[in-house]
Every structure is written in C-alpha cells, then in structure tokens.
Protein backbone atom coordinates (compact mmCIF):
# COMPACT_ATOMS: atom_id res chain seq x y z
CA MET A 1 0.03 0.05 -0.01
CA GLY A 2 1.62 3.33 1.08
CA ASN A 3 4.85 4.16 2.70
CA ALA A 4 3.36 6.47 5.37
CA THR A 5 2.89 4.78 8.75
CA VAL A 6 0.73 5.60 11.69
CA ARG A 7 1.23 4.16 15.19
CA THR A 8 -1.76 2.47 16.79
CA THR A 9 -2.64 0.16 19.55
CA LEU A 10 -4.46 -3.14 18.83
CA ALA A 11 -6.16 -5.48 21.30
CA ILE A 12 -5.86 -9.05 19.89
CA PRO A 13 -6.38 -12.49 21.45
CA ALA A 14 -3.31 -13.68 23.34
CA GLU A 15 -3.15 -16.87 21.17
CA LEU A 16 -2.83 -14.74 18.07
CA LEU A 17 -0.02 -12.65 19.63
CA ALA A 18 1.73 -15.84 20.70
CA GLU A 19 1.52 -17.35 17.27
CA THR A 20 2.72 -14.11 15.78
CA ASP A 21 5.76 -13.98 18.06
CA ARG A 22 6.58 -17.67 17.16
CA ILE A 23 6.43 -16.86 13.39
CA VAL A 24 8.67 -13.77 13.97
CA SER A 25 11.13 -15.81 16.10
CA GLU A 26 11.38 -18.47 13.34
CA GLY A 27 12.36 -15.73 10.92
CA LYS A 28 9.44 -16.13 8.63
CA VAL A 29 8.67 -12.37 8.95
CA ARG A 30 10.82 -9.55 10.07
CA SER A 31 8.49 -8.20 12.86
CA ARG A 32 5.08 -8.17 14.34
CA ASN A 33 4.43 -4.95 12.48
CA GLN A 34 5.21 -6.40 9.04
CA PHE A 35 3.22 -9.53 9.76
CA ILE A 36 0.17 -7.61 10.88
CA ALA A 37 0.42 -5.20 7.97
CA GLN A 38 0.69 -8.11 5.55
CA ALA A 39 -2.34 -9.80 7.05
CA LEU A 40 -4.29 -6.63 6.90
CA GLU A 41 -3.33 -6.12 3.11
CA HIS A 42 -4.19 -9.69 2.41
CA GLU A 43 -7.65 -9.42 4.08
CA ILE A 44 -8.35 -6.07 2.38
CA ALA A 45 -7.54 -7.52 -1.00
CA ALA A 46 -9.77 -10.44 -0.34
CA LEU A 47 -12.65 -8.16 0.63
CA LYS A 48 -12.15 -6.13 -2.49
CA ARG A 49 -12.14 -9.22 -4.69
CA ALA A 50 -15.40 -10.34 -2.99
CA GLU A 51 -16.95 -6.89 -3.74
CA ILE A 52 -15.99 -7.18 -7.35
CA ASP A 53 -17.32 -10.76 -7.58
CA ALA A 54 -20.61 -9.71 -6.08
CA ALA A 55 -20.87 -6.77 -8.47
CA LEU A 56 -20.13 -9.11 -11.43
CA ALA A 57 -22.64 -11.67 -10.21
CA GLU A 58 -25.26 -8.81 -9.87
CA MET A 59 -24.55 -7.67 -13.39
CA ALA A 60 -24.91 -11.22 -14.69
CA GLN A 61 -28.54 -11.31 -13.35
CA ASP A 62 -29.46 -7.82 -14.53
CA GLN A 63 -31.49 -8.23 -17.73
CA GLU A 64 -31.14 -4.59 -18.71
CA TYR A 65 -27.37 -4.87 -18.56
CA GLN A 66 -27.28 -8.03 -20.39
CA ALA A 67 -29.33 -6.49 -23.22
CA GLU A 68 -27.07 -3.53 -23.41
CA VAL A 69 -24.02 -5.71 -23.57
CA LEU A 70 -25.65 -7.74 -26.47
CA GLN A 71 -26.32 -4.48 -28.33
CA ILE A 72 -22.75 -3.24 -27.97
CA GLU A 73 -21.52 -6.61 -29.18
CA ARG A 74 -23.70 -6.34 -32.28
CA GLU A 75 -22.54 -2.73 -32.90
CA PHE A 76 -18.89 -3.78 -32.82
CA ALA A 77 -19.26 -7.16 -34.46
CA ASN A 78 -18.07 -5.83 -37.92
CA ALA A 79 -15.08 -3.91 -36.39
CA SER A 80 -14.09 -6.94 -34.45
CA TRP A 81 -14.24 -9.18 -37.65
CA GLU A 82 -12.25 -6.69 -39.63
CA ALA A 83 -9.51 -6.47 -36.84
CA LEU A 84 -9.34 -10.32 -36.83
CA LEU A 85 -8.89 -10.49 -40.55
CA LEU A 86 -6.19 -7.76 -40.55
CA GLU A 87 -4.32 -9.64 -37.74
CA GLU A 88 -4.47 -12.93 -39.73
CA ASN A 89 -3.48 -11.29 -43.08
CA PRO A 90 -1.07 -8.46 -42.36
C-alpha cells in the first residue's frame, strides 16, 4: 500500500500474539508490525475481490445490463471481424 505509517494500538487475542511471536522468532517475517500489515493487506484484498465478484454476479443477473452488452457486441461485430482479418492477413 503506502509508505506512510501511523502508530496505533491493537487489542488481539493472546493466542494470536503468541503465534505471531513464534512466526517472527522463526524468521518467517521480520517483525510483528510487518506480519500484521501483511495480514491486513491480504484481508483487504480478499474483501475487495469479494466486492468485485458480487458486483459481477449482480450484473450477470441484470436483464437490462445483459441487453445492453448484447447491443454493444452487435454494434462492434463488424469492427471486431475486420480486426481479426487484419491480424491474420497483415
């Protein structure tokens, strides 16, 4: 994400902290901060992907949107065909 950092305090279950410290002590990550930041980045990315997937699923069920897509495909069909022919026969 960004390079700017902000100091904060977190309250987490003791088991999570102990497991985090074990992972740090094994050298799998540089520090608690790095590990927690990576975990947050991973979870935020997963949530964003889920939001995109939900939006795509909604679009797939939207009859008006589907009709518009088909209309656009029909309008560009000739241009797409011409582009394919040009690519095959330079």
